[in-house]
Amino acid sequence: MKNIMIFITAGVLISSCVGNKKIAAVKNKLKGIEEQMQKENAEIKNINLQADSKLQLNKIDSNIMLKIDTRLKKSATQLDAAQLQADQLNEILKDKKSTRINYKSIVLPLLDSLQKQSNRYAQRLALYVMIKDGLNVADFKQFDLAAFFGPGKYLIPEDKVDIAALSFSPVVDSLILFSNKYNQYPRTATLIILGFADGTGINPGGELYYTLLDELRKPQAEKEELNQKISELRAKELIKQMTGLYFKKARGFTEAEKLKIEYIGQGKGEAYPVSGIKDYAVDDERRRIVLCYWVVLPD
């Protein structure tokens, strides 16, 4: 009987010891995963700060800021879900009895799910590097419409199309170069064209005046509405030119089947194009411009 009691006692101790080792292993793995999640959250925060700084410097526009924010929120949402799982696991691990009871049914499945999330960190980190690299090279290209349109114009004349293409070509070339650098990823390249107008009024009764009214589908319009519309038409004209250039240079893209191209054209009306310039005049040529931004982001 004494020997039987010793055997039973030894068995309980061994079982308890094994249980403690398993619990310790789970805690160590969970600690490493949570530290990794903290680093990733810090990485996302730093990218957001970098993007906000670039926005303040006019290096990116609000469209790009929104796209970066949307892309990062996908990762942030996944991290939030993982953190809820980690919190649940931590709560169970506070009590050894609860841990042993739920070890196979809850503890191991939660740890497995967290480990899978953790294993994809290197893949997500590579995408963060791509976004940061894009922000590092981000800038706008300014096109002086006076060289192509002149006051009150929005279409590029046929005799100036080739000259305009020479000006626009470096933008497409830069986009191709960056896209090819990350051709292993499914990605979307976005070209953003912002048109601007000066504060000069449109001559009532003139051909342009009625053309703009037709575009607005209104019998009459205020000066600001007319200039808003002409700035939109200028953006639309440049998108047309850029689209043509893209098709001419499309063979320059590698892994093009993983690439999507989209265009965003917006008219900014009489808004000042560059916030750093403080001496704009009403009829300032520097207000009759188009700003072009581009970004390539992982899907």
C-alpha atoms as a PDB file:
ATOM      1  CA  MET A   1       0.000   0.000   0.000  1.00  0.00           C
ATOM      2  CA  LYS A   2       2.830   2.349   0.889  1.00  0.00           C
ATOM      3  CA  ASN A   3       4.478   1.661  -2.459  1.00  0.00           C
ATOM      4  CA  ILE A   4       1.204   2.296  -4.285  1.00  0.00           C
ATOM      5  CA  MET A   5       0.812   5.689  -2.552  1.00  0.00           C
ATOM      6  CA  ILE A   6       4.371   6.656  -3.452  1.00  0.00           C
ATOM      7  CA  PHE A   7       3.719   5.700  -7.080  1.00  0.00           C
ATOM      8  CA  ILE A   8       0.501   7.708  -7.217  1.00  0.00           C
ATOM      9  CA  THR A   9       2.149  10.730  -5.576  1.00  0.00           C
ATOM     10  CA  ALA A  10       5.060  10.558  -8.008  1.00  0.00           C
ATOM     11  CA  GLY A  11       2.648  10.343 -10.927  1.00  0.00           C
ATOM     12  CA  VAL A  12       0.752  13.437  -9.767  1.00  0.00           C
ATOM     13  CA  LEU A  13       3.990  15.392  -9.358  1.00  0.00           C
ATOM     14  CA  ILE A  14       5.222  14.385 -12.797  1.00  0.00           C
ATOM     15  CA  SER A  15       1.852  15.307 -14.321  1.00  0.00           C
ATOM     16  CA  SER A  16       1.924  18.655 -12.522  1.00  0.00           C
ATOM     17  CA  CYS A  17       5.491  19.310 -13.650  1.00  0.00           C
ATOM     18  CA  VAL A  18       4.634  18.605 -17.294  1.00  0.00           C
ATOM     19  CA  GLY A  19       1.620  20.881 -17.001  1.00  0.00           C
ATOM     20  CA  ASN A  20       3.752  23.702 -15.649  1.00  0.00           C
ATOM     21  CA  LYS A  21       6.216  23.358 -18.518  1.00  0.00           C
ATOM     22  CA  LYS A  22       3.424  23.544 -21.056  1.00  0.00           C
ATOM     23  CA  ILE A  23       1.991  26.625 -19.404  1.00  0.00           C
ATOM     24  CA  ALA A  24       5.414  28.267 -19.297  1.00  0.00           C
ATOM     25  CA  ALA A  25       5.936  27.481 -22.993  1.00  0.00           C
ATOM     26  CA  VAL A  26       2.586  29.045 -23.898  1.00  0.00           C
ATOM     27  CA  LYS A  27       3.383  32.157 -21.869  1.00  0.00           C
ATOM     28  CA  ASN A  28       6.796  32.542 -23.528  1.00  0.00           C
ATOM     29  CA  LYS A  29       5.335  32.182 -27.013  1.00  0.00           C
ATOM     30  CA  LEU A  30       2.562  34.629 -26.213  1.00  0.00           C
ATOM     31  CA  LYS A  31       5.047  37.149 -24.838  1.00  0.00           C
ATOM     32  CA  GLY A  32       7.091  37.026 -28.055  1.00  0.00           C
ATOM     33  CA  ILE A  33       3.998  37.400 -30.211  1.00  0.00           C
ATOM     34  CA  GLU A  34       2.759  40.402 -28.212  1.00  0.00           C
ATOM     35  CA  GLU A  35       6.161  42.094 -28.437  1.00  0.00           C
ATOM     36  CA  GLN A  36       6.064  41.607 -32.194  1.00  0.00           C
ATOM     37  CA  MET A  37       2.566  43.100 -32.371  1.00  0.00           C
ATOM     38  CA  GLN A  38       3.751  46.129 -30.403  1.00  0.00           C
ATOM     39  CA  LYS A  39       6.572  46.646 -32.917  1.00  0.00           C
ATOM     40  CA  GLU A  40       4.132  46.368 -35.802  1.00  0.00           C
ATOM     41  CA  ASN A  41       1.729  48.863 -34.245  1.00  0.00           C
ATOM     42  CA  ALA A  42       4.661  51.256 -33.794  1.00  0.00           C
ATOM     43  CA  GLU A  43       5.614  50.731 -37.458  1.00  0.00           C
ATOM     44  CA  ILE A  44       2.083  51.588 -38.610  1.00  0.00           C
ATOM     45  CA  LYS A  45       2.048  54.681 -36.401  1.00  0.00           C
ATOM     46  CA  ASN A  46       5.401  55.859 -37.795  1.00  0.00           C
ATOM     47  CA  ILE A  47       4.187  55.453 -41.384  1.00  0.00           C
ATOM     48  CA  ASN A  48       1.072  57.475 -40.587  1.00  0.00           C
ATOM     49  CA  LEU A  49       3.236  60.223 -39.086  1.00  0.00           C
ATOM     50  CA  GLN A  50       5.504  60.181 -42.141  1.00  0.00           C
ATOM     51  CA  ALA A  51       2.509  60.401 -44.460  1.00  0.00           C
ATOM     52  CA  ASP A  52       1.015  63.283 -42.468  1.00  0.00           C
ATOM     53  CA  SER A  53       4.330  65.154 -42.661  1.00  0.00           C
ATOM     54  CA  LYS A  54       4.445  64.649 -46.443  1.00  0.00           C
ATOM     55  CA  LEU A  55       0.866  65.915 -46.711  1.00  0.00           C
ATOM     56  CA  GLN A  56       1.753  69.109 -44.846  1.00  0.00           C
ATOM     57  CA  LEU A  57       4.660  69.663 -47.258  1.00  0.00           C
ATOM     58  CA  ASN A  58       2.437  69.098 -50.334  1.00  0.00           C
ATOM     59  CA  LYS A  59       4.540  66.054 -51.250  1.00  0.00           C
ATOM     60  CA  ILE A  60       1.382  63.953 -51.317  1.00  0.00           C
ATOM     61  CA  ASP A  61      -2.253  64.976 -51.584  1.00  0.00           C
ATOM     62  CA  SER A  62      -5.318  63.990 -49.582  1.00  0.00           C
ATOM     63  CA  ASN A  63      -6.178  61.193 -52.033  1.00  0.00           C
ATOM     64  CA  ILE A  64      -2.854  59.468 -51.406  1.00  0.00           C
ATOM     65  CA  MET A  65      -3.171  60.060 -47.671  1.00  0.00           C
ATOM     66  CA  LEU A  66      -6.570  58.363 -47.706  1.00  0.00           C
ATOM     67  CA  LYS A  67      -5.264  55.397 -49.701  1.00  0.00           C
ATOM     68  CA  ILE A  68      -2.328  54.882 -47.335  1.00  0.00           C
ATOM     69  CA  ASP A  69      -4.590  55.208 -44.322  1.00  0.00           C
ATOM     70  CA  THR A  70      -7.049  52.689 -45.784  1.00  0.00           C
ATOM     71  CA  ARG A  71      -4.246  50.219 -46.554  1.00  0.00           C
ATOM     72  CA  LEU A  72      -2.742  50.497 -43.073  1.00  0.00           C
ATOM     73  CA  LYS A  73      -6.143  50.115 -41.426  1.00  0.00           C
ATOM     74  CA  LYS A  74      -6.375  46.622 -42.908  1.00  0.00           C
ATOM     75  CA  SER A  75      -3.285  45.622 -40.954  1.00  0.00           C
ATOM     76  CA  ALA A  76      -4.377  47.557 -37.869  1.00  0.00           C
ATOM     77  CA  THR A  77      -7.734  45.754 -37.874  1.00  0.00           C
ATOM     78  CA  GLN A  78      -5.974  42.388 -38.030  1.00  0.00           C
ATOM     79  CA  LEU A  79      -3.725  43.419 -35.152  1.00  0.00           C
ATOM     80  CA  ASP A  80      -6.708  44.535 -33.079  1.00  0.00           C
ATOM     81  CA  ALA A  81      -8.368  41.150 -33.607  1.00  0.00           C
ATOM     82  CA  ALA A  82      -5.136  39.381 -32.658  1.00  0.00           C
ATOM     83  CA  GLN A  83      -4.812  41.513 -29.531  1.00  0.00           C
ATOM     84  CA  LEU A  84      -8.308  40.482 -28.434  1.00  0.00           C
ATOM     85  CA  GLN A  85      -7.243  36.853 -28.768  1.00  0.00           C
ATOM     86  CA  ALA A  86      -4.057  37.559 -26.818  1.00  0.00           C
ATOM     87  CA  ASP A  87      -6.053  39.268 -24.061  1.00  0.00           C
ATOM     88  CA  GLN A  88      -8.378  36.275 -23.861  1.00  0.00           C
ATOM     89  CA  LEU A  89      -5.417  33.919 -23.638  1.00  0.00           C
ATOM     90  CA  ASN A  90      -3.726  36.035 -20.969  1.00  0.00           C
ATOM     91  CA  GLU A  91      -6.897  35.940 -18.900  1.00  0.00           C
ATOM     92  CA  ILE A  92      -7.017  32.143 -19.027  1.00  0.00           C
ATOM     93  CA  LEU A  93      -3.300  31.861 -18.209  1.00  0.00           C
ATOM     94  CA  LYS A  94      -3.786  33.781 -14.969  1.00  0.00           C
ATOM     95  CA  ASP A  95      -5.233  30.647 -13.380  1.00  0.00           C
ATOM     96  CA  LYS A  96      -3.416  27.314 -13.710  1.00  0.00           C
ATOM     97  CA  LYS A  97      -6.569  25.287 -13.157  1.00  0.00           C
ATOM     98  CA  SER A  98      -8.423  27.198 -15.860  1.00  0.00           C
ATOM     99  CA  THR A  99      -5.434  26.797 -18.163  1.00  0.00           C
ATOM    100  CA  ARG A 100      -5.341  23.022 -17.691  1.00  0.00           C
ATOM    101  CA  ILE A 101      -9.099  22.673 -18.178  1.00  0.00           C
ATOM    102  CA  ASN A 102      -9.114  24.782 -21.365  1.00  0.00           C
ATOM    103  CA  TYR A 103      -5.686  23.790 -22.658  1.00  0.00           C
ATOM    104  CA  LYS A 104      -6.786  21.737 -25.678  1.00  0.00           C
ATOM    105  CA  SER A 105     -10.144  23.368 -26.356  1.00  0.00           C
ATOM    106  CA  ILE A 106      -9.199  27.068 -26.072  1.00  0.00           C
ATOM    107  CA  VAL A 107      -5.534  27.709 -25.206  1.00  0.00           C
ATOM    108  CA  LEU A 108      -3.935  25.766 -28.066  1.00  0.00           C
ATOM    109  CA  PRO A 109      -6.376  27.011 -30.772  1.00  0.00           C
ATOM    110  CA  LEU A 110      -5.856  30.640 -29.673  1.00  0.00           C
ATOM    111  CA  LEU A 111      -2.097  30.219 -29.623  1.00  0.00           C
ATOM    112  CA  ASP A 112      -2.177  28.582 -33.060  1.00  0.00           C
ATOM    113  CA  SER A 113      -4.224  31.447 -34.497  1.00  0.00           C
ATOM    114  CA  LEU A 114      -1.849  34.021 -33.004  1.00  0.00           C
ATOM    115  CA  GLN A 115       1.165  32.117 -34.279  1.00  0.00           C
ATOM    116  CA  LYS A 116      -0.225  32.103 -37.823  1.00  0.00           C
ATOM    117  CA  GLN A 117      -0.746  35.875 -37.601  1.00  0.00           C
ATOM    118  CA  SER A 118       2.801  36.233 -36.307  1.00  0.00           C
ATOM    119  CA  ASN A 119       4.227  34.070 -39.094  1.00  0.00           C
ATOM    120  CA  ARG A 120       2.893  36.530 -41.676  1.00  0.00           C
ATOM    121  CA  TYR A 121       4.711  39.445 -40.059  1.00  0.00           C
ATOM    122  CA  ALA A 122       7.673  39.308 -42.447  1.00  0.00           C
ATOM    123  CA  GLN A 123       5.282  39.547 -45.396  1.00  0.00           C
ATOM    124  CA  ARG A 124       3.501  42.543 -43.885  1.00  0.00           C
ATOM    125  CA  LEU A 125       6.813  44.177 -42.996  1.00  0.00           C
ATOM    126  CA  ALA A 126       7.888  43.996 -46.647  1.00  0.00           C
ATOM    127  CA  LEU A 127       4.708  45.845 -47.608  1.00  0.00           C
ATOM    128  CA  TYR A 128       5.400  48.511 -44.976  1.00  0.00           C
ATOM    129  CA  VAL A 129       8.849  48.969 -46.510  1.00  0.00           C
ATOM    130  CA  MET A 130       7.195  49.501 -49.901  1.00  0.00           C
ATOM    131  CA  ILE A 131       4.827  52.140 -48.509  1.00  0.00           C
ATOM    132  CA  LYS A 132       7.667  53.978 -46.731  1.00  0.00           C
ATOM    133  CA  ASP A 133       9.795  53.865 -49.868  1.00  0.00           C
ATOM    134  CA  GLY A 134       6.926  55.385 -51.816  1.00  0.00           C
ATOM    135  CA  LEU A 135       6.636  58.176 -49.268  1.00  0.00           C
ATOM    136  CA  ASN A 136      10.373  58.822 -49.443  1.00  0.00           C
ATOM    137  CA  VAL A 137      10.193  59.520 -53.182  1.00  0.00           C
ATOM    138  CA  ALA A 138       6.780  61.196 -53.084  1.00  0.00           C
ATOM    139  CA  ASP A 139       6.521  64.625 -54.641  1.00  0.00           C
ATOM    140  CA  PHE A 140       4.297  66.513 -57.024  1.00  0.00           C
ATOM    141  CA  LYS A 141       5.014  67.481 -60.601  1.00  0.00           C
ATOM    142  CA  GLN A 142       3.752  70.896 -61.607  1.00  0.00           C
ATOM    143  CA  PHE A 143       2.659  71.610 -65.155  1.00  0.00           C
ATOM    144  CA  ASP A 144       2.324  75.237 -66.166  1.00  0.00           C
ATOM    145  CA  LEU A 145      -0.835  75.420 -68.229  1.00  0.00           C
ATOM    146  CA  ALA A 146       0.190  78.721 -69.737  1.00  0.00           C
ATOM    147  CA  ALA A 147       2.641  76.725 -71.853  1.00  0.00           C
ATOM    148  CA  PHE A 148      -0.177  74.610 -73.262  1.00  0.00           C
ATOM    149  CA  PHE A 149      -3.562  76.242 -72.708  1.00  0.00           C
ATOM    150  CA  GLY A 150      -3.343  79.985 -72.151  1.00  0.00           C
ATOM    151  CA  PRO A 151      -5.993  81.959 -70.217  1.00  0.00           C
ATOM    152  CA  GLY A 152      -9.473  80.487 -70.404  1.00  0.00           C
ATOM    153  CA  LYS A 153      -8.346  77.329 -72.235  1.00  0.00           C
ATOM    154  CA  TYR A 154      -8.512  73.692 -71.186  1.00  0.00           C
ATOM    155  CA  LEU A 155      -7.742  71.645 -74.291  1.00  0.00           C
ATOM    156  CA  ILE A 156      -4.180  71.105 -75.493  1.00  0.00           C
ATOM    157  CA  PRO A 157      -3.968  72.098 -79.176  1.00  0.00           C
ATOM    158  CA  GLU A 158      -2.869  69.396 -81.604  1.00  0.00           C
ATOM    159  CA  ASP A 159       0.323  71.278 -82.436  1.00  0.00           C
ATOM    160  CA  LYS A 160       1.368  71.177 -78.762  1.00  0.00           C
ATOM    161  CA  VAL A 161       0.486  67.560 -77.931  1.00  0.00           C
ATOM    162  CA  ASP A 162       4.006  66.273 -78.639  1.00  0.00           C
ATOM    163  CA  ILE A 163       5.568  69.033 -76.529  1.00  0.00           C
ATOM    164  CA  ALA A 164       3.156  68.241 -73.719  1.00  0.00           C
ATOM    165  CA  ALA A 165       3.989  64.529 -73.943  1.00  0.00           C
ATOM    166  CA  LEU A 166       7.661  65.310 -73.405  1.00  0.00           C
ATOM    167  CA  SER A 167       6.732  67.118 -70.200  1.00  0.00           C
ATOM    168  CA  PHE A 168       4.410  64.381 -68.948  1.00  0.00           C
ATOM    169  CA  SER A 169       6.612  61.422 -69.881  1.00  0.00           C
ATOM    170  CA  PRO A 170       8.952  61.573 -66.826  1.00  0.00           C
ATOM    171  CA  VAL A 171       5.956  61.088 -64.511  1.00  0.00           C
ATOM    172  CA  VAL A 172       4.969  57.848 -66.213  1.00  0.00           C
ATOM    173  CA  ASP A 173       8.619  56.727 -66.332  1.00  0.00           C
ATOM    174  CA  SER A 174       8.981  57.278 -62.574  1.00  0.00           C
ATOM    175  CA  LEU A 175       5.800  55.342 -61.914  1.00  0.00           C
ATOM    176  CA  ILE A 176       7.030  52.429 -64.058  1.00  0.00           C
ATOM    177  CA  LEU A 177      10.417  52.387 -62.313  1.00  0.00           C
ATOM    178  CA  PHE A 178       8.883  52.250 -58.852  1.00  0.00           C
ATOM    179  CA  SER A 179       6.235  49.689 -59.824  1.00  0.00           C
ATOM    180  CA  ASN A 180       8.865  47.356 -61.270  1.00  0.00           C
ATOM    181  CA  LYS A 181      10.896  47.570 -58.064  1.00  0.00           C
ATOM    182  CA  TYR A 182       8.025  45.843 -56.263  1.00  0.00           C
ATOM    183  CA  ASN A 183       6.712  43.724 -59.116  1.00  0.00           C
ATOM    184  CA  GLN A 184       6.434  40.613 -56.920  1.00  0.00           C
ATOM    185  CA  TYR A 185       3.394  42.079 -55.155  1.00  0.00           C
ATOM    186  CA  PRO A 186      -0.169  42.650 -56.354  1.00  0.00           C
ATOM    187  CA  ARG A 187      -0.311  46.443 -56.419  1.00  0.00           C
ATOM    188  CA  THR A 188      -2.250  49.442 -57.620  1.00  0.00           C
ATOM    189  CA  ALA A 189      -0.672  52.467 -59.261  1.00  0.00           C
ATOM    190  CA  THR A 190      -2.693  55.647 -58.887  1.00  0.00           C
ATOM    191  CA  LEU A 191      -2.129  58.772 -60.931  1.00  0.00           C
ATOM    192  CA  ILE A 192      -3.733  61.883 -59.449  1.00  0.00           C
ATOM    193  CA  ILE A 193      -4.288  65.028 -61.503  1.00  0.00           C
ATOM    194  CA  LEU A 194      -5.427  68.233 -59.777  1.00  0.00           C
ATOM    195  CA  GLY A 195      -6.478  71.136 -61.980  1.00  0.00           C
ATOM    196  CA  PHE A 196      -6.500  74.779 -60.843  1.00  0.00           C
ATOM    197  CA  ALA A 197      -7.824  78.066 -62.185  1.00  0.00           C
ATOM    198  CA  ASP A 198      -7.023  81.684 -61.433  1.00  0.00           C
ATOM    199  CA  GLY A 199      -9.610  84.080 -60.022  1.00  0.00           C
ATOM    200  CA  THR A 200     -10.396  85.793 -63.330  1.00  0.00           C
ATOM    201  CA  GLY A 201     -14.035  85.751 -64.408  1.00  0.00           C
ATOM    202  CA  ILE A 202     -15.262  84.106 -67.614  1.00  0.00           C
ATOM    203  CA  ASN A 203     -16.548  86.552 -70.209  1.00  0.00           C
ATOM    204  CA  PRO A 204     -20.374  86.215 -70.250  1.00  0.00           C
ATOM    205  CA  GLY A 205     -21.719  85.533 -73.694  1.00  0.00           C
ATOM    206  CA  GLY A 206     -18.479  84.091 -75.005  1.00  0.00           C
ATOM    207  CA  GLU A 207     -18.016  80.599 -76.468  1.00  0.00           C
ATOM    208  CA  LEU A 208     -16.190  79.337 -73.368  1.00  0.00           C
ATOM    209  CA  TYR A 209     -18.928  80.693 -71.123  1.00  0.00           C
ATOM    210  CA  TYR A 210     -21.633  78.672 -72.864  1.00  0.00           C
ATOM    211  CA  THR A 211     -19.411  75.602 -73.088  1.00  0.00           C
ATOM    212  CA  LEU A 212     -18.925  75.664 -69.338  1.00  0.00           C
ATOM    213  CA  LEU A 213     -22.643  76.205 -68.743  1.00  0.00           C
ATOM    214  CA  ASP A 214     -23.343  73.145 -70.902  1.00  0.00           C
ATOM    215  CA  GLU A 215     -20.856  71.158 -68.812  1.00  0.00           C
ATOM    216  CA  LEU A 216     -22.541  72.395 -65.647  1.00  0.00           C
ATOM    217  CA  ARG A 217     -26.008  71.787 -67.148  1.00  0.00           C
ATOM    218  CA  LYS A 218     -27.155  75.133 -65.827  1.00  0.00           C
ATOM    219  CA  PRO A 219     -28.602  78.210 -67.548  1.00  0.00           C
ATOM    220  CA  GLN A 220     -26.279  80.477 -65.556  1.00  0.00           C
ATOM    221  CA  ALA A 221     -23.472  80.174 -63.016  1.00  0.00           C
ATOM    222  CA  GLU A 222     -21.277  82.256 -60.733  1.00  0.00           C
ATOM    223  CA  LYS A 223     -17.607  82.957 -61.482  1.00  0.00           C
ATOM    224  CA  GLU A 224     -16.433  80.418 -58.888  1.00  0.00           C
ATOM    225  CA  GLU A 225     -18.557  77.646 -60.416  1.00  0.00           C
ATOM    226  CA  LEU A 226     -17.226  78.384 -63.881  1.00  0.00           C
ATOM    227  CA  ASN A 227     -13.622  78.350 -62.719  1.00  0.00           C
ATOM    228  CA  GLN A 228     -14.279  75.129 -60.808  1.00  0.00           C
ATOM    229  CA  LYS A 229     -15.522  73.510 -63.982  1.00  0.00           C
ATOM    230  CA  ILE A 230     -12.640  74.729 -66.133  1.00  0.00           C
ATOM    231  CA  SER A 231     -10.171  73.385 -63.569  1.00  0.00           C
ATOM    232  CA  GLU A 232     -11.936  69.997 -63.767  1.00  0.00           C
ATOM    233  CA  LEU A 233     -11.702  70.040 -67.556  1.00  0.00           C
ATOM    234  CA  ARG A 234      -7.984  70.814 -67.371  1.00  0.00           C
ATOM    235  CA  ALA A 235      -7.473  67.828 -65.058  1.00  0.00           C
ATOM    236  CA  LYS A 236      -9.527  65.658 -67.416  1.00  0.00           C
ATOM    237  CA  GLU A 237      -7.405  66.754 -70.394  1.00  0.00           C
ATOM    238  CA  LEU A 238      -4.190  65.767 -68.639  1.00  0.00           C
ATOM    239  CA  ILE A 239      -5.623  62.407 -67.637  1.00  0.00           C
ATOM    240  CA  LYS A 240      -6.354  61.844 -71.318  1.00  0.00           C
ATOM    241  CA  GLN A 241      -2.740  62.646 -72.169  1.00  0.00           C
ATOM    242  CA  MET A 242      -1.370  60.484 -69.340  1.00  0.00           C
ATOM    243  CA  THR A 243      -3.571  57.550 -70.333  1.00  0.00           C
ATOM    244  CA  GLY A 244      -2.234  57.736 -73.864  1.00  0.00           C
ATOM    245  CA  LEU A 245       1.342  57.769 -72.573  1.00  0.00           C
ATOM    246  CA  TYR A 246       0.658  54.807 -70.313  1.00  0.00           C
ATOM    247  CA  PHE A 247      -0.516  52.666 -73.218  1.00  0.00           C
ATOM    248  CA  LYS A 248       2.533  53.672 -75.247  1.00  0.00           C
ATOM    249  CA  LYS A 249       4.842  52.696 -72.373  1.00  0.00           C
ATOM    250  CA  ALA A 250       2.844  49.727 -71.021  1.00  0.00           C
ATOM    251  CA  ARG A 251       5.480  47.215 -72.123  1.00  0.00           C
ATOM    252  CA  GLY A 252       7.876  48.813 -69.673  1.00  0.00           C
ATOM    253  CA  PHE A 253       5.964  47.316 -66.726  1.00  0.00           C
ATOM    254  CA  THR A 254       7.152  43.926 -65.461  1.00  0.00           C
ATOM    255  CA  GLU A 255       4.713  41.460 -63.889  1.00  0.00           C
ATOM    256  CA  ALA A 256       2.004  43.677 -65.337  1.00  0.00           C
ATOM    257  CA  GLU A 257      -0.659  41.069 -64.559  1.00  0.00           C
ATOM    258  CA  LYS A 258      -0.236  41.945 -60.859  1.00  0.00           C
ATOM    259  CA  LEU A 259      -0.685  45.660 -61.527  1.00  0.00           C
ATOM    260  CA  LYS A 260      -3.825  47.775 -61.645  1.00  0.00           C
ATOM    261  CA  ILE A 261      -3.793  51.370 -62.900  1.00  0.00           C
ATOM    262  CA  GLU A 262      -6.295  53.985 -61.803  1.00  0.00           C
ATOM    263  CA  TYR A 263      -6.639  57.691 -62.480  1.00  0.00           C
ATOM    264  CA  ILE A 264      -8.117  60.369 -60.250  1.00  0.00           C
ATOM    265  CA  GLY A 265      -8.864  63.763 -61.764  1.00  0.00           C
ATOM    266  CA  GLN A 266     -10.125  66.636 -59.628  1.00  0.00           C
ATOM    267  CA  GLY A 267     -10.764  70.302 -60.220  1.00  0.00           C
ATOM    268  CA  LYS A 268      -9.767  72.597 -57.379  1.00  0.00           C
ATOM    269  CA  GLY A 269     -11.218  75.766 -58.855  1.00  0.00           C
ATOM    270  CA  GLU A 270      -9.755  78.986 -57.473  1.00  0.00           C
ATOM    271  CA  ALA A 271      -7.978  77.278 -54.562  1.00  0.00           C
ATOM    272  CA  TYR A 272      -4.303  78.173 -54.263  1.00  0.00           C
ATOM    273  CA  PRO A 273      -2.218  75.330 -55.695  1.00  0.00           C
ATOM    274  CA  VAL A 274       0.800  75.554 -53.367  1.00  0.00           C
ATOM    275  CA  SER A 275       0.233  76.557 -49.766  1.00  0.00           C
ATOM    276  CA  GLY A 276       3.767  77.905 -49.398  1.00  0.00           C
ATOM    277  CA  ILE A 277       3.178  80.676 -51.958  1.00  0.00           C
ATOM    278  CA  LYS A 278       1.604  83.714 -50.286  1.00  0.00           C
ATOM    279  CA  ASP A 279       1.575  86.340 -53.058  1.00  0.00           C
ATOM    280  CA  TYR A 280      -0.834  84.898 -55.624  1.00  0.00           C
ATOM    281  CA  ALA A 281      -2.624  87.537 -57.706  1.00  0.00           C
ATOM    282  CA  VAL A 282      -6.173  87.212 -59.060  1.00  0.00           C
ATOM    283  CA  ASP A 283      -5.007  86.591 -62.633  1.00  0.00           C
ATOM    284  CA  ASP A 284      -1.748  84.873 -61.621  1.00  0.00           C
ATOM    285  CA  GLU A 285      -0.403  82.400 -64.199  1.00  0.00           C
ATOM    286  CA  ARG A 286       0.919  80.336 -61.298  1.00  0.00           C
ATOM    287  CA  ARG A 287      -2.698  79.495 -60.483  1.00  0.00           C
ATOM    288  CA  ARG A 288      -3.413  78.148 -63.967  1.00  0.00           C
ATOM    289  CA  ILE A 289      -1.542  74.942 -63.346  1.00  0.00           C
ATOM    290  CA  VAL A 290      -2.055  71.226 -62.942  1.00  0.00           C
ATOM    291  CA  LEU A 291      -0.398  69.254 -60.161  1.00  0.00           C
ATOM    292  CA  CYS A 292       0.333  65.594 -60.707  1.00  0.00           C
ATOM    293  CA  TYR A 293       0.929  63.028 -57.948  1.00  0.00           C
ATOM    294  CA  TRP A 294       1.366  59.284 -58.194  1.00  0.00           C
ATOM    295  CA  VAL A 295       1.574  56.413 -55.755  1.00  0.00           C
ATOM    296  CA  VAL A 296       2.005  52.636 -56.013  1.00  0.00           C
ATOM    297  CA  LEU A 297       0.583  50.728 -53.052  1.00  0.00           C
ATOM    298  CA  PRO A 298       0.331  47.023 -52.243  1.00  0.00           C
ATOM    299  CA  ASP A 299      -3.166  45.590 -52.524  1.00  0.00           C
END
